[in-house]
Amino acid sequence: MSIFKRGQLVETDGLLAVVVGTPQDGGAPDDHLALWFGEPRCKRISEGGAGGQQAEVWTVPAEYCILAASPVIRH
C-alpha cells in the first residue's frame, strides 16, 4: 500500500513532481507512481505561445520517491 496520493508533491532524484496516478486509483502499475514533472519549455499564450500542449507523465517506482517539502504559496 502506497503512502502517496494523487495531487501530492514528491521528490525523486532531486526533481519535484506531482503524483497524477497511483496503483490504488488505476493510474500506475503496482509499486509505481505516475508523475508529472511539469513542462518548463511551454510559453504562455499571452506571450505568444500556442497552447494545447500535451502533458508527459512518467511511471516511477514508488520507493524512489519521498514527500516534497511544503510549497511556497504565491498569489
Protein backbone atom coordinates (compact mmCIF):
# COMPACT_ATOMS: atom_id res chain seq x y z
CA MET A 1 0.00 0.00 0.00
CA SER A 2 1.48 3.33 -1.08
CA ILE A 3 1.66 6.30 1.26
CA PHE A 4 1.30 8.61 -1.73
CA LYS A 5 -1.93 10.07 -3.07
CA ARG A 6 -2.89 11.81 -6.27
CA GLY A 7 -2.10 15.53 -6.09
CA GLN A 8 0.82 15.28 -3.65
CA LEU A 9 4.16 16.86 -4.42
CA VAL A 10 7.05 14.40 -4.31
CA GLU A 11 10.76 14.48 -4.93
CA THR A 12 12.65 11.87 -6.91
CA ASP A 13 16.36 12.13 -7.70
CA GLY A 14 16.24 15.81 -6.71
CA LEU A 15 13.38 16.66 -9.08
CA LEU A 16 9.96 17.87 -7.97
CA ALA A 17 6.90 16.17 -9.41
CA VAL A 18 3.15 15.90 -8.87
CA VAL A 19 1.56 12.49 -8.34
CA VAL A 20 -1.10 12.07 -11.03
CA GLY A 21 -1.73 8.34 -10.61
CA THR A 22 -1.22 5.51 -8.14
CA PRO A 23 -1.84 1.74 -8.24
CA GLN A 24 -4.87 2.27 -5.97
CA ASP A 25 -6.63 4.53 -8.49
CA GLY A 26 -5.54 2.52 -11.53
CA GLY A 27 -3.20 5.24 -12.76
CA ALA A 28 0.10 3.38 -12.32
CA PRO A 29 1.42 -0.20 -12.22
CA ASP A 30 1.91 -1.95 -8.87
CA ASP A 31 4.59 -0.33 -6.68
CA HIS A 32 4.88 2.68 -9.04
CA LEU A 33 3.60 6.25 -9.21
CA ALA A 34 2.60 8.20 -12.29
CA LEU A 35 4.41 11.55 -12.04
CA TRP A 36 4.17 14.80 -13.95
CA PHE A 37 7.36 16.86 -13.79
CA GLY A 38 5.86 19.96 -15.42
CA GLU A 39 6.80 21.44 -18.73
CA PRO A 40 9.19 24.37 -18.34
CA ARG A 41 9.52 24.87 -22.10
CA CYS A 42 5.89 25.95 -22.54
CA LYS A 43 5.26 29.59 -23.34
CA ARG A 44 2.22 31.47 -22.05
CA ILE A 45 -0.47 32.17 -24.64
CA SER A 46 -0.37 35.82 -23.51
CA GLU A 47 3.30 35.83 -24.53
CA GLY A 48 2.75 34.30 -27.96
CA GLY A 49 2.62 30.62 -27.01
CA ALA A 50 0.42 28.23 -28.95
CA GLY A 51 -1.28 26.43 -26.04
CA GLY A 52 -2.68 22.94 -26.45
CA GLN A 53 0.43 21.23 -25.06
CA GLN A 54 0.25 17.54 -24.15
CA ALA A 55 1.46 16.53 -20.69
CA GLU A 56 4.14 13.84 -20.42
CA VAL A 57 3.62 11.51 -17.45
CA TRP A 58 6.26 9.03 -16.27
CA THR A 59 5.80 5.95 -14.11
CA VAL A 60 8.49 5.67 -11.43
CA PRO A 61 8.96 3.08 -8.67
CA ALA A 62 7.35 4.50 -5.53
CA GLU A 63 10.43 3.54 -3.49
CA TYR A 64 12.40 6.21 -5.39
CA CYS A 65 10.06 8.96 -4.15
CA ILE A 66 9.82 10.95 -0.94
CA LEU A 67 7.31 13.59 0.04
CA ALA A 68 8.48 17.03 -1.06
CA ALA A 69 8.88 19.96 1.30
CA SER A 70 5.79 22.12 1.72
CA PRO A 71 5.41 24.50 -1.21
CA VAL A 72 5.76 28.27 -1.04
CA ILE A 73 2.31 29.64 -1.92
CA ARG A 74 2.25 32.82 -4.00
CA HIS A 75 -0.54 34.93 -5.47
